[in-house]
Amino acid sequence: MSIVRKLSLMPLILLLLTLGCSEESAEKEERKAPVSGVITNFVEEKGQVLIDNEEDNGNKSGPILISLHTNAELIINGETVTAPLDATLVGRRAEVWTGPSIAKSSPPQTTALRMIIH
C-alpha cells in the first residue's frame, strides 16, 4: 500500500475516533444522578449542603453531605455559575454526580463533580 493511500485513510480513522468519543460523552451526560433530592441544610463551616437523598422509586435513602470539588460544574436554574454553595439553596431540589468515594460518616459525605439545582 502506497503512502498516499495510507494518508487518505487517516481522515476516516480520525472521524471514527471522534464519533466514538462523542457518543461516550453523551452517555455520561444521560446517566441518572446518583444523589437526588431536596437540600435541607447548609453547613457554613465546611461549605456543604445536606441533601435528603431519594431513590428512583421516591423512597428516601437518607441524608448525605455534599461539598463541591474544585473543578465541579454547578448549574443553578439552567445557568452555569462559579458561586460557592450557600444557605439560599436550602429547600431547592438538586441532582448530584459525585466522585468515586463516599466517606462512611454519619451522615455520609462526598464531593460533587456536577450539581444541578432547580
PDB file of N, CA and C in Angstrom:
ATOM      1  N   MET A   1       0.854  -1.171   0.000  1.00  0.00           N
ATOM      2  CA  MET A   1       0.000   0.000   0.000  1.00  0.00           C
ATOM      3  C   MET A   1       0.902   1.236   0.000  1.00  0.00           C
ATOM      4  N   SER A   2       0.609   2.147  -0.883  1.00  0.00           N
ATOM      5  CA  SER A   2       1.446   3.338  -1.001  1.00  0.00           C
ATOM      6  C   SER A   2       1.173   4.311   0.140  1.00  0.00           C
ATOM      7  N   ILE A   3       2.104   5.213   0.337  1.00  0.00           N
ATOM      8  CA  ILE A   3       1.979   6.217   1.400  1.00  0.00           C
ATOM      9  C   ILE A   3       0.764   7.096   1.163  1.00  0.00           C
ATOM     10  N   VAL A   4       0.481   7.442  -0.077  1.00  0.00           N
ATOM     11  CA  VAL A   4      -0.674   8.295  -0.408  1.00  0.00           C
ATOM     12  C   VAL A   4      -1.968   7.611   0.016  1.00  0.00           C
ATOM     13  N   ARG A   5      -2.090   6.305  -0.248  1.00  0.00           N
ATOM     14  CA  ARG A   5      -3.315   5.579   0.134  1.00  0.00           C
ATOM     15  C   ARG A   5      -3.449   5.516   1.656  1.00  0.00           C
ATOM     16  N   LYS A   6      -2.328   5.316   2.348  1.00  0.00           N
ATOM     17  CA  LYS A   6      -2.354   5.259   3.814  1.00  0.00           C
ATOM     18  C   LYS A   6      -2.785   6.607   4.391  1.00  0.00           C
ATOM     19  N   LEU A   7      -2.248   7.690   3.826  1.00  0.00           N
ATOM     20  CA  LEU A   7      -2.609   9.017   4.309  1.00  0.00           C
ATOM     21  C   LEU A   7      -4.055   9.370   3.999  1.00  0.00           C
ATOM     22  N   SER A   8      -4.608   8.841   2.910  1.00  0.00           N
ATOM     23  CA  SER A   8      -6.003   9.146   2.571  1.00  0.00           C
ATOM     24  C   SER A   8      -6.969   8.475   3.540  1.00  0.00           C
ATOM     25  N   LEU A   9      -6.527   7.424   4.218  1.00  0.00           N
ATOM     26  CA  LEU A   9      -7.375   6.756   5.216  1.00  0.00           C
ATOM     27  C   LEU A   9      -7.353   7.472   6.564  1.00  0.00           C
ATOM     28  N   MET A  10      -6.354   8.295   6.787  1.00  0.00           N
ATOM     29  CA  MET A  10      -6.194   8.977   8.068  1.00  0.00           C
ATOM     30  C   MET A  10      -7.415   9.819   8.455  1.00  0.00           C
ATOM     31  N   PRO A  11      -7.996  10.656   7.578  1.00  0.00           N
ATOM     32  CA  PRO A  11      -9.189  11.431   7.975  1.00  0.00           C
ATOM     33  C   PRO A  11     -10.363  10.542   8.373  1.00  0.00           C
ATOM     34  N   LEU A  12     -10.516   9.417   7.694  1.00  0.00           N
ATOM     35  CA  LEU A  12     -11.610   8.495   8.038  1.00  0.00           C
ATOM     36  C   LEU A  12     -11.400   7.913   9.436  1.00  0.00           C
ATOM     37  N   ILE A  13     -10.185   7.535   9.734  1.00  0.00           N
ATOM     38  CA  ILE A  13      -9.879   6.980  11.051  1.00  0.00           C
ATOM     39  C   ILE A  13     -10.118   8.028  12.139  1.00  0.00           C
ATOM     40  N   LEU A  14      -9.671   9.250  11.917  1.00  0.00           N
ATOM     41  CA  LEU A  14      -9.884  10.325  12.893  1.00  0.00           C
ATOM     42  C   LEU A  14     -11.368  10.613  13.095  1.00  0.00           C
ATOM     43  N   LEU A  15     -12.136  10.579  12.013  1.00  0.00           N
ATOM     44  CA  LEU A  15     -13.582  10.809  12.116  1.00  0.00           C
ATOM     45  C   LEU A  15     -14.237   9.729  12.962  1.00  0.00           C
ATOM     46  N   LEU A  16     -13.882   8.470  12.732  1.00  0.00           N
ATOM     47  CA  LEU A  16     -14.457   7.371  13.514  1.00  0.00           C
ATOM     48  C   LEU A  16     -14.085   7.475  14.990  1.00  0.00           C
ATOM     49  N   LEU A  17     -12.838   7.849  15.274  1.00  0.00           N
ATOM     50  CA  LEU A  17     -12.431   8.024  16.668  1.00  0.00           C
ATOM     51  C   LEU A  17     -13.201   9.151  17.339  1.00  0.00           C
ATOM     52  N   THR A  18     -13.390  10.248  16.622  1.00  0.00           N
ATOM     53  CA  THR A  18     -14.130  11.386  17.160  1.00  0.00           C
ATOM     54  C   THR A  18     -15.579  11.018  17.451  1.00  0.00           C
ATOM     55  N   LEU A  19     -16.214  10.314  16.536  1.00  0.00           N
ATOM     56  CA  LEU A  19     -17.606   9.907  16.757  1.00  0.00           C
ATOM     57  C   LEU A  19     -17.727   8.969  17.942  1.00  0.00           C
ATOM     58  N   GLY A  20     -16.792   8.062  18.094  1.00  0.00           N
ATOM     59  CA  GLY A  20     -16.815   7.141  19.231  1.00  0.00           C
ATOM     60  C   GLY A  20     -16.691   7.866  20.549  1.00  0.00           C
ATOM     61  N   CYS A  21     -15.830   8.859  20.625  1.00  0.00           N
ATOM     62  CA  CYS A  21     -15.642   9.625  21.863  1.00  0.00           C
ATOM     63  C   CYS A  21     -16.857  10.473  22.183  1.00  0.00           C
ATOM     64  N   SER A  22     -17.496  11.059  21.190  1.00  0.00           N
ATOM     65  CA  SER A  22     -18.649  11.913  21.450  1.00  0.00           C
ATOM     66  C   SER A  22     -19.843  11.103  21.940  1.00  0.00           C
ATOM     67  N   GLU A  23     -20.007   9.871  21.461  1.00  0.00           N
ATOM     68  CA  GLU A  23     -21.094   9.027  21.942  1.00  0.00           C
ATOM     69  C   GLU A  23     -20.885   8.679  23.406  1.00  0.00           C
ATOM     70  N   GLU A  24     -19.636   8.428  23.804  1.00  0.00           N
ATOM     71  CA  GLU A  24     -19.335   8.118  25.200  1.00  0.00           C
ATOM     72  C   GLU A  24     -19.663   9.305  26.096  1.00  0.00           C
ATOM     73  N   SER A  25     -19.345  10.510  25.660  1.00  0.00           N
ATOM     74  CA  SER A  25     -19.653  11.715  26.437  1.00  0.00           C
ATOM     75  C   SER A  25     -21.147  11.890  26.590  1.00  0.00           C
ATOM     76  N   ALA A  26     -21.895  11.644  25.525  1.00  0.00           N
ATOM     77  CA  ALA A  26     -23.350  11.777  25.586  1.00  0.00           C
ATOM     78  C   ALA A  26     -23.938  10.769  26.562  1.00  0.00           C
ATOM     79  N   GLU A  27     -23.382   9.549  26.596  1.00  0.00           N
ATOM     80  CA  GLU A  27     -23.870   8.538  27.529  1.00  0.00           C
ATOM     81  C   GLU A  27     -23.641   8.982  28.968  1.00  0.00           C
ATOM     82  N   LYS A  28     -22.491   9.585  29.253  1.00  0.00           N
ATOM     83  CA  LYS A  28     -22.201  10.057  30.606  1.00  0.00           C
ATOM     84  C   LYS A  28     -23.195  11.123  31.029  1.00  0.00           C
ATOM     85  N   GLU A  29     -23.558  12.022  30.118  1.00  0.00           N
ATOM     86  CA  GLU A  29     -24.491  13.101  30.443  1.00  0.00           C
ATOM     87  C   GLU A  29     -25.890  12.562  30.727  1.00  0.00           C
ATOM     88  N   GLU A  30     -26.279  11.470  30.049  1.00  0.00           N
ATOM     89  CA  GLU A  30     -27.626  10.941  30.187  1.00  0.00           C
ATOM     90  C   GLU A  30     -27.807  10.097  31.442  1.00  0.00           C
ATOM     91  N   ARG A  31     -26.721   9.644  32.063  1.00  0.00           N
ATOM     92  CA  ARG A  31     -26.851   8.817  33.263  1.00  0.00           C
ATOM     93  C   ARG A  31     -27.559   9.581  34.366  1.00  0.00           C
ATOM     94  N   LYS A  32     -28.356   8.848  35.115  1.00  0.00           N
ATOM     95  CA  LYS A  32     -29.088   9.455  36.224  1.00  0.00           C
ATOM     96  C   LYS A  32     -28.118   9.820  37.351  1.00  0.00           C
ATOM     97  N   ALA A  33     -28.403  10.929  37.990  1.00  0.00           N
ATOM     98  CA  ALA A  33     -27.570  11.392  39.098  1.00  0.00           C
ATOM     99  C   ALA A  33     -27.665  10.400  40.256  1.00  0.00           C
ATOM    100  N   PRO A  34     -26.521  10.015  40.851  1.00  0.00           N
ATOM    101  CA  PRO A  34     -26.563   9.081  41.980  1.00  0.00           C
ATOM    102  C   PRO A  34     -27.152   9.681  43.255  1.00  0.00           C
ATOM    103  N   VAL A  35     -27.119  11.006  43.375  1.00  0.00           N
ATOM    104  CA  VAL A  35     -27.718  11.673  44.524  1.00  0.00           C
ATOM    105  C   VAL A  35     -28.742  12.666  43.994  1.00  0.00           C
ATOM    106  N   SER A  36     -29.957  12.568  44.523  1.00  0.00           N
ATOM    107  CA  SER A  36     -31.027  13.448  44.074  1.00  0.00           C
ATOM    108  C   SER A  36     -32.015  13.652  45.211  1.00  0.00           C
ATOM    109  N   GLY A  37     -32.389  14.907  45.436  1.00  0.00           N
ATOM    110  CA  GLY A  37     -33.345  15.186  46.499  1.00  0.00           C
ATOM    111  C   GLY A  37     -33.359  16.652  46.864  1.00  0.00           C
ATOM    112  N   VAL A  38     -33.970  16.952  47.981  1.00  0.00           N
ATOM    113  CA  VAL A  38     -34.122  18.326  48.442  1.00  0.00           C
ATOM    114  C   VAL A  38     -32.975  18.694  49.380  1.00  0.00           C
ATOM    115  N   ILE A  39     -32.434  19.891  49.193  1.00  0.00           N
ATOM    116  CA  ILE A  39     -31.391  20.403  50.089  1.00  0.00           C
ATOM    117  C   ILE A  39     -32.085  20.839  51.371  1.00  0.00           C
ATOM    118  N   THR A  40     -31.693  20.224  52.497  1.00  0.00           N
ATOM    119  CA  THR A  40     -32.379  20.503  53.754  1.00  0.00           C
ATOM    120  C   THR A  40     -31.584  21.377  54.718  1.00  0.00           C
ATOM    121  N   ASN A  41     -30.266  21.509  54.468  1.00  0.00           N
ATOM    122  CA  ASN A  41     -29.444  22.294  55.394  1.00  0.00           C
ATOM    123  C   ASN A  41     -28.171  22.741  54.695  1.00  0.00           C
ATOM    124  N   PHE A  42     -27.546  23.791  55.236  1.00  0.00           N
ATOM    125  CA  PHE A  42     -26.257  24.271  54.755  1.00  0.00           C
ATOM    126  C   PHE A  42     -25.305  24.340  55.941  1.00  0.00           C
ATOM    127  N   VAL A  43     -24.131  23.707  55.811  1.00  0.00           N
ATOM    128  CA  VAL A  43     -23.119  23.722  56.868  1.00  0.00           C
ATOM    129  C   VAL A  43     -22.067  24.747  56.452  1.00  0.00           C
ATOM    130  N   GLU A  44     -22.177  25.931  57.025  1.00  0.00           N
ATOM    131  CA  GLU A  44     -21.343  27.061  56.607  1.00  0.00           C
ATOM    132  C   GLU A  44     -19.849  26.802  56.816  1.00  0.00           C
ATOM    133  N   GLU A  45     -19.477  26.188  57.942  1.00  0.00           N
ATOM    134  CA  GLU A  45     -18.064  25.965  58.261  1.00  0.00           C
ATOM    135  C   GLU A  45     -17.348  25.145  57.195  1.00  0.00           C
ATOM    136  N   LYS A  46     -18.065  24.208  56.589  1.00  0.00           N
ATOM    137  CA  LYS A  46     -17.455  23.313  55.600  1.00  0.00           C
ATOM    138  C   LYS A  46     -17.907  23.614  54.174  1.00  0.00           C
ATOM    139  N   GLY A  47     -18.853  24.524  54.016  1.00  0.00           N
ATOM    140  CA  GLY A  47     -19.360  24.840  52.681  1.00  0.00           C
ATOM    141  C   GLY A  47     -20.101  23.677  52.049  1.00  0.00           C
ATOM    142  N   GLN A  48     -20.804  22.904  52.873  1.00  0.00           N
ATOM    143  CA  GLN A  48     -21.510  21.718  52.396  1.00  0.00           C
ATOM    144  C   GLN A  48     -23.021  21.898  52.494  1.00  0.00           C
ATOM    145  N   VAL A  49     -23.735  21.197  51.604  1.00  0.00           N
ATOM    146  CA  VAL A  49     -25.186  21.147  51.713  1.00  0.00           C
ATOM    147  C   VAL A  49     -25.584  19.726  52.104  1.00  0.00           C
ATOM    148  N   LEU A  50     -26.668  19.620  52.845  1.00  0.00           N
ATOM    149  CA  LEU A  50     -27.209  18.328  53.246  1.00  0.00           C
ATOM    150  C   LEU A  50     -28.402  18.047  52.346  1.00  0.00           C
ATOM    151  N   ILE A  51     -28.338  16.932  51.620  1.00  0.00           N
ATOM    152  CA  ILE A  51     -29.414  16.570  50.701  1.00  0.00           C
ATOM    153  C   ILE A  51     -30.112  15.337  51.237  1.00  0.00           C
ATOM    154  N   ASP A  52     -31.444  15.395  51.302  1.00  0.00           N
ATOM    155  CA  ASP A  52     -32.251  14.249  51.698  1.00  0.00           C
ATOM    156  C   ASP A  52     -32.404  13.372  50.462  1.00  0.00           C
ATOM    157  N   ASN A  53     -31.494  12.424  50.290  1.00  0.00           N
ATOM    158  CA  ASN A  53     -31.385  11.621  49.075  1.00  0.00           C
ATOM    159  C   ASN A  53     -32.602  10.724  48.863  1.00  0.00           C
ATOM    160  N   GLU A  54     -33.095  10.682  47.625  1.00  0.00           N
ATOM    161  CA  GLU A  54     -34.237   9.848  47.252  1.00  0.00           C
ATOM    162  C   GLU A  54     -33.795   8.837  46.203  1.00  0.00           C
ATOM    163  N   GLU A  55     -34.334   7.644  46.286  1.00  0.00           N
ATOM    164  CA  GLU A  55     -34.060   6.617  45.285  1.00  0.00           C
ATOM    165  C   GLU A  55     -35.037   6.776  44.132  1.00  0.00           C
ATOM    166  N   ASP A  56     -34.850   5.982  43.063  1.00  0.00           N
ATOM    167  CA  ASP A  56     -35.699   6.065  41.871  1.00  0.00           C
ATOM    168  C   ASP A  56     -37.185   5.944  42.170  1.00  0.00           C
ATOM    169  N   ASN A  57     -37.541   5.106  43.117  1.00  0.00           N
ATOM    170  CA  ASN A  57     -38.948   4.869  43.414  1.00  0.00           C
ATOM    171  C   ASN A  57     -39.544   5.908  44.361  1.00  0.00           C
ATOM    172  N   GLY A  58     -38.789   6.936  44.705  1.00  0.00           N
ATOM    173  CA  GLY A  58     -39.295   8.001  45.561  1.00  0.00           C
ATOM    174  C   GLY A  58     -39.018   7.792  47.036  1.00  0.00           C
ATOM    175  N   ASN A  59     -38.536   6.599  47.413  1.00  0.00           N
ATOM    176  CA  ASN A  59     -38.198   6.341  48.816  1.00  0.00           C
ATOM    177  C   ASN A  59     -36.949   7.121  49.200  1.00  0.00           C
ATOM    178  N   LYS A  60     -36.906   7.589  50.421  1.00  0.00           N
ATOM    179  CA  LYS A  60     -35.741   8.321  50.905  1.00  0.00           C
ATOM    180  C   LYS A  60     -34.685   7.323  51.366  1.00  0.00           C
ATOM    181  N   SER A  61     -33.441   7.544  50.960  1.00  0.00           N
ATOM    182  CA  SER A  61     -32.368   6.640  51.370  1.00  0.00           C
ATOM    183  C   SER A  61     -31.485   7.279  52.433  1.00  0.00           C
ATOM    184  N   GLY A  62     -31.870   8.462  52.900  1.00  0.00           N
ATOM    185  CA  GLY A  62     -31.135   9.112  53.975  1.00  0.00           C
ATOM    186  C   GLY A  62     -30.382  10.332  53.512  1.00  0.00           C
ATOM    187  N   PRO A  63     -29.981  11.170  54.455  1.00  0.00           N
ATOM    188  CA  PRO A  63     -29.267  12.402  54.112  1.00  0.00           C
ATOM    189  C   PRO A  63     -27.812  12.126  53.734  1.00  0.00           C
ATOM    190  N   ILE A  64     -27.250  13.021  52.929  1.00  0.00           N
ATOM    191  CA  ILE A  64     -25.847  12.947  52.538  1.00  0.00           C
ATOM    192  C   ILE A  64     -25.296  14.361  52.423  1.00  0.00           C
ATOM    193  N   LEU A  65     -24.102  14.576  52.976  1.00  0.00           N
ATOM    194  CA  LEU A  65     -23.451  15.888  52.906  1.00  0.00           C
ATOM    195  C   LEU A  65     -22.639  15.977  51.622  1.00  0.00           C
ATOM    196  N   ILE A  66     -22.828  17.070  50.904  1.00  0.00           N
ATOM    197  CA  ILE A  66     -22.160  17.268  49.615  1.00  0.00           C
ATOM    198  C   ILE A  66     -21.348  18.556  49.645  1.00  0.00           C
ATOM    199  N   SER A  67     -20.090  18.454  49.234  1.00  0.00           N
ATOM    200  CA  SER A  67     -19.272  19.647  49.012  1.00  0.00           C
ATOM    201  C   SER A  67     -18.901  19.657  47.533  1.00  0.00           C
ATOM    202  N   LEU A  68     -18.496  20.817  47.029  1.00  0.00           N
ATOM    203  CA  LEU A  68     -18.131  20.922  45.614  1.00  0.00           C
ATOM    204  C   LEU A  68     -16.658  20.596  45.417  1.00  0.00           C
ATOM    205  N   HIS A  69     -16.375  19.774  44.429  1.00  0.00           N
ATOM    206  CA  HIS A  69     -14.993  19.522  44.013  1.00  0.00           C
ATOM    207  C   HIS A  69     -14.445  20.810  43.415  1.00  0.00           C
ATOM    208  N   THR A  70     -13.149  20.991  43.429  1.00  0.00           N
ATOM    209  CA  THR A  70     -12.544  22.227  42.921  1.00  0.00           C
ATOM    210  C   THR A  70     -12.940  22.524  41.471  1.00  0.00           C
ATOM    211  N   ASN A  71     -13.067  21.494  40.657  1.00  0.00           N
ATOM    212  CA  ASN A  71     -13.426  21.673  39.248  1.00  0.00           C
ATOM    213  C   ASN A  71     -14.877  21.307  38.965  1.00  0.00           C
ATOM    214  N   ALA A  72     -15.719  21.350  39.976  1.00  0.00           N
ATOM    215  CA  ALA A  72     -17.116  20.945  39.809  1.00  0.00           C
ATOM    216  C   ALA A  72     -17.876  21.905  38.901  1.00  0.00           C
ATOM    217  N   GLU A  73     -18.851  21.340  38.216  1.00  0.00           N
ATOM    218  CA  GLU A  73     -19.763  22.140  37.391  1.00  0.00           C
ATOM    219  C   GLU A  73     -21.028  22.363  38.217  1.00  0.00           C
ATOM    220  N   LEU A  74     -21.334  23.621  38.516  1.00  0.00           N
ATOM    221  CA  LEU A  74     -22.519  23.969  39.304  1.00  0.00           C
ATOM    222  C   LEU A  74     -23.491  24.703  38.391  1.00  0.00           C
ATOM    223  N   ILE A  75     -24.689  24.127  38.245  1.00  0.00           N
ATOM    224  CA  ILE A  75     -25.710  24.704  37.378  1.00  0.00           C
ATOM    225  C   ILE A  75     -26.921  25.039  38.237  1.00  0.00           C
ATOM    226  N   ILE A  76     -27.282  26.326  38.266  1.00  0.00           N
ATOM    227  CA  ILE A  76     -28.447  26.767  39.033  1.00  0.00           C
ATOM    228  C   ILE A  76     -29.427  27.403  38.063  1.00  0.00           C
ATOM    229  N   ASN A  77     -30.651  26.889  38.053  1.00  0.00           N
ATOM    230  CA  ASN A  77     -31.708  27.363  37.139  1.00  0.00           C
ATOM    231  C   ASN A  77     -31.240  27.384  35.691  1.00  0.00           C
ATOM    232  N   GLY A  78     -30.512  26.332  35.284  1.00  0.00           N
ATOM    233  CA  GLY A  78     -30.082  26.202  33.898  1.00  0.00           C
ATOM    234  C   GLY A  78     -28.859  27.016  33.517  1.00  0.00           C
ATOM    235  N   GLU A  79     -28.268  27.732  34.450  1.00  0.00           N
ATOM    236  CA  GLU A  79     -27.113  28.577  34.160  1.00  0.00           C
ATOM    237  C   GLU A  79     -25.899  28.107  34.958  1.00  0.00           C
ATOM    238  N   THR A  80     -24.773  27.902  34.282  1.00  0.00           N
ATOM    239  CA  THR A  80     -23.545  27.507  34.960  1.00  0.00           C
ATOM    240  C   THR A  80     -23.005  28.700  35.741  1.00  0.00           C
ATOM    241  N   VAL A  81     -22.724  28.468  37.028  1.00  0.00           N
ATOM    242  CA  VAL A  81     -22.249  29.551  37.893  1.00  0.00           C
ATOM    243  C   VAL A  81     -20.943  29.141  38.570  1.00  0.00           C
ATOM    244  N   THR A  82     -20.222  30.122  39.073  1.00  0.00           N
ATOM    245  CA  THR A  82     -18.971  29.857  39.785  1.00  0.00           C
ATOM    246  C   THR A  82     -19.093  30.177  41.270  1.00  0.00           C
ATOM    247  N   ALA A  83     -20.281  30.490  41.716  1.00  0.00           N
ATOM    248  CA  ALA A  83     -20.510  30.838  43.121  1.00  0.00           C
ATOM    249  C   ALA A  83     -20.379  29.605  44.009  1.00  0.00           C
ATOM    250  N   PRO A  84     -19.989  29.794  45.272  1.00  0.00           N
ATOM    251  CA  PRO A  84     -19.938  28.669  46.212  1.00  0.00           C
ATOM    252  C   PRO A  84     -21.353  28.304  46.684  1.00  0.00           C
ATOM    253  N   LEU A  85     -21.464  27.149  47.301  1.00  0.00           N
ATOM    254  CA  LEU A  85     -22.739  26.749  47.891  1.00  0.00           C
ATOM    255  C   LEU A  85     -23.051  27.682  49.050  1.00  0.00           C
ATOM    256  N   ASP A  86     -24.348  27.956  49.266  1.00  0.00           N
ATOM    257  CA  ASP A  86     -24.719  28.819  50.388  1.00  0.00           C
ATOM    258  C   ASP A  86     -26.116  28.473  50.892  1.00  0.00           C
ATOM    259  N   ALA A  87     -26.553  29.161  51.930  1.00  0.00           N
ATOM    260  CA  ALA A  87     -27.829  28.878  52.602  1.00  0.00           C
ATOM    261  C   ALA A  87     -29.044  29.189  51.731  1.00  0.00           C
ATOM    262  N   THR A  88     -28.890  29.980  50.682  1.00  0.00           N
ATOM    263  CA  THR A  88     -30.044  30.303  49.823  1.00  0.00           C
ATOM    264  C   THR A  88     -30.528  29.083  49.045  1.00  0.00           C
ATOM    265  N   LEU A  89     -29.743  28.019  49.030  1.00  0.00           N
ATOM    266  CA  LEU A  89     -30.110  26.815  48.280  1.00  0.00           C
ATOM    267  C   LEU A  89     -31.007  25.866  49.077  1.00  0.00           C
ATOM    268  N   VAL A  90     -31.142  26.101  50.371  1.00  0.00           N
ATOM    269  CA  VAL A  90     -31.970  25.239  51.226  1.00  0.00           C
ATOM    270  C   VAL A  90     -33.416  25.271  50.730  1.00  0.00           C
ATOM    271  N   GLY A  91     -34.003  24.076  50.605  1.00  0.00           N
ATOM    272  CA  GLY A  91     -35.376  23.945  50.138  1.00  0.00           C
ATOM    273  C   GLY A  91     -35.486  23.681  48.640  1.00  0.00           C
ATOM    274  N   ARG A  92     -34.380  23.783  47.931  1.00  0.00           N
ATOM    275  CA  ARG A  92     -34.394  23.560  46.484  1.00  0.00           C
ATOM    276  C   ARG A  92     -34.009  22.125  46.168  1.00  0.00           C
ATOM    277  N   ARG A  93     -34.436  21.660  45.027  1.00  0.00           N
ATOM    278  CA  ARG A  93     -34.148  20.297  44.578  1.00  0.00           C
ATOM    279  C   ARG A  93     -32.802  20.275  43.857  1.00  0.00           C
ATOM    280  N   ALA A  94     -32.021  19.208  44.083  1.00  0.00           N
ATOM    281  CA  ALA A  94     -30.696  19.096  43.474  1.00  0.00           C
ATOM    282  C   ALA A  94     -30.465  17.689  42.924  1.00  0.00           C
ATOM    283  N   GLU A  95     -29.700  17.637  41.840  1.00  0.00           N
ATOM    284  CA  GLU A  95     -29.210  16.383  41.275  1.00  0.00           C
ATOM    285  C   GLU A  95     -27.693  16.481  41.314  1.00  0.00           C
ATOM    286  N   VAL A  96     -27.030  15.418  41.821  1.00  0.00           N
ATOM    287  CA  VAL A  96     -25.589  15.492  42.035  1.00  0.00           C
ATOM    288  C   VAL A  96     -24.902  14.248  41.468  1.00  0.00           C
ATOM    289  N   TRP A  97     -23.879  14.495  40.648  1.00  0.00           N
ATOM    290  CA  TRP A  97     -22.999  13.443  40.174  1.00  0.00           C
ATOM    291  C   TRP A  97     -21.747  13.542  41.032  1.00  0.00           C
ATOM    292  N   THR A  98     -21.409  12.461  41.707  1.00  0.00           N
ATOM    293  CA  THR A  98     -20.375  12.507  42.738  1.00  0.00           C
ATOM    294  C   THR A  98     -19.068  11.875  42.285  1.00  0.00           C
ATOM    295  N   GLY A  99     -18.040  12.107  43.099  1.00  0.00           N
ATOM    296  CA  GLY A  99     -16.743  11.484  42.886  1.00  0.00           C
ATOM    297  C   GLY A  99     -16.823  10.004  43.233  1.00  0.00           C
ATOM    298  N   PRO A 100     -15.717   9.302  43.120  1.00  0.00           N
ATOM    299  CA  PRO A 100     -15.734   7.855  43.315  1.00  0.00           C
ATOM    300  C   PRO A 100     -15.870   7.395  44.766  1.00  0.00           C
ATOM    301  N   SER A 101     -15.624   8.275  45.720  1.00  0.00           N
ATOM    302  CA  SER A 101     -15.656   7.810  47.110  1.00  0.00           C
ATOM    303  C   SER A 101     -16.685   8.562  47.945  1.00  0.00           C
ATOM    304  N   ILE A 102     -17.239   7.828  48.911  1.00  0.00           N
ATOM    305  CA  ILE A 102     -18.181   8.403  49.873  1.00  0.00           C
ATOM    306  C   ILE A 102     -17.676   8.034  51.264  1.00  0.00           C
ATOM    307  N   ALA A 103     -17.451   9.048  52.103  1.00  0.00           N
ATOM    308  CA  ALA A 103     -16.981   8.798  53.465  1.00  0.00           C
ATOM    309  C   ALA A 103     -18.090   8.137  54.274  1.00  0.00           C
ATOM    310  N   LYS A 104     -17.749   7.102  54.985  1.00  0.00           N
ATOM    311  CA  LYS A 104     -18.738   6.371  55.788  1.00  0.00           C
ATOM    312  C   LYS A 104     -18.902   7.028  57.143  1.00  0.00           C
ATOM    313  N   SER A 105     -19.254   8.291  57.119  1.00  0.00           N
ATOM    314  CA  SER A 105     -19.510   9.018  58.357  1.00  0.00           C
ATOM    315  C   SER A 105     -21.020   9.057  58.563  1.00  0.00           C
ATOM    316  N   SER A 106     -21.452   9.754  59.573  1.00  0.00           N
ATOM    317  CA  SER A 106     -22.881   9.879  59.805  1.00  0.00           C
ATOM    318  C   SER A 106     -23.243  11.363  59.843  1.00  0.00           C
ATOM    319  N   PRO A 107     -23.864  11.920  58.843  1.00  0.00           N
ATOM    320  CA  PRO A 107     -24.261  11.289  57.582  1.00  0.00           C
ATOM    321  C   PRO A 107     -23.069  11.121  56.637  1.00  0.00           C
ATOM    322  N   PRO A 108     -23.220  10.265  55.615  1.00  0.00           N
ATOM    323  CA  PRO A 108     -22.142  10.085  54.636  1.00  0.00           C
ATOM    324  C   PRO A 108     -21.804  11.415  53.963  1.00  0.00           C
ATOM    325  N   GLN A 109     -20.538  11.544  53.497  1.00  0.00           N
ATOM    326  CA  GLN A 109     -20.087  12.767  52.841  1.00  0.00           C
ATOM    327  C   GLN A 109     -19.387  12.425  51.532  1.00  0.00           C
ATOM    328  N   THR A 110     -19.554  13.281  50.538  1.00  0.00           N
ATOM    329  CA  THR A 110     -18.871  13.104  49.265  1.00  0.00           C
ATOM    330  C   THR A 110     -18.717  14.456  48.575  1.00  0.00           C
ATOM    331  N   THR A 111     -17.991  14.461  47.481  1.00  0.00           N
ATOM    332  CA  THR A 111     -17.826  15.690  46.707  1.00  0.00           C
ATOM    333  C   THR A 111     -18.578  15.585  45.396  1.00  0.00           C
ATOM    334  N   ALA A 112     -19.108  16.714  44.974  1.00  0.00           N
ATOM    335  CA  ALA A 112     -19.858  16.788  43.719  1.00  0.00           C
ATOM    336  C   ALA A 112     -18.928  17.159  42.584  1.00  0.00           C
ATOM    337  N   LEU A 113     -19.015  16.395  41.496  1.00  0.00           N
ATOM    338  CA  LEU A 113     -18.308  16.736  40.278  1.00  0.00           C
ATOM    339  C   LEU A 113     -19.202  17.605  39.397  1.00  0.00           C
ATOM    340  N   ARG A 114     -20.508  17.359  39.539  1.00  0.00           N
ATOM    341  CA  ARG A 114     -21.514  18.149  38.809  1.00  0.00           C
ATOM    342  C   ARG A 114     -22.756  18.221  39.673  1.00  0.00           C
ATOM    343  N   MET A 115     -23.326  19.424  39.799  1.00  0.00           N
ATOM    344  CA  MET A 115     -24.524  19.601  40.604  1.00  0.00           C
ATOM    345  C   MET A 115     -25.485  20.518  39.842  1.00  0.00           C
ATOM    346  N   ILE A 116     -26.714  20.029  39.694  1.00  0.00           N
ATOM    347  CA  ILE A 116     -27.767  20.824  39.061  1.00  0.00           C
ATOM    348  C   ILE A 116     -28.805  21.129  40.122  1.00  0.00           C
ATOM    349  N   ILE A 117     -29.084  22.434  40.314  1.00  0.00           N
ATOM    350  CA  ILE A 117     -30.068  22.857  41.310  1.00  0.00           C
ATOM    351  C   ILE A 117     -31.225  23.510  40.581  1.00  0.00           C
ATOM    352  N   HIS A 118     -32.424  23.044  40.902  1.00  0.00           N
ATOM    353  CA  HIS A 118     -33.649  23.555  40.258  1.00  0.00           C
ATOM    354  C   HIS A 118     -34.346  24.548  41.154  1.00  0.00           C
TER     355      HIS A 118
END
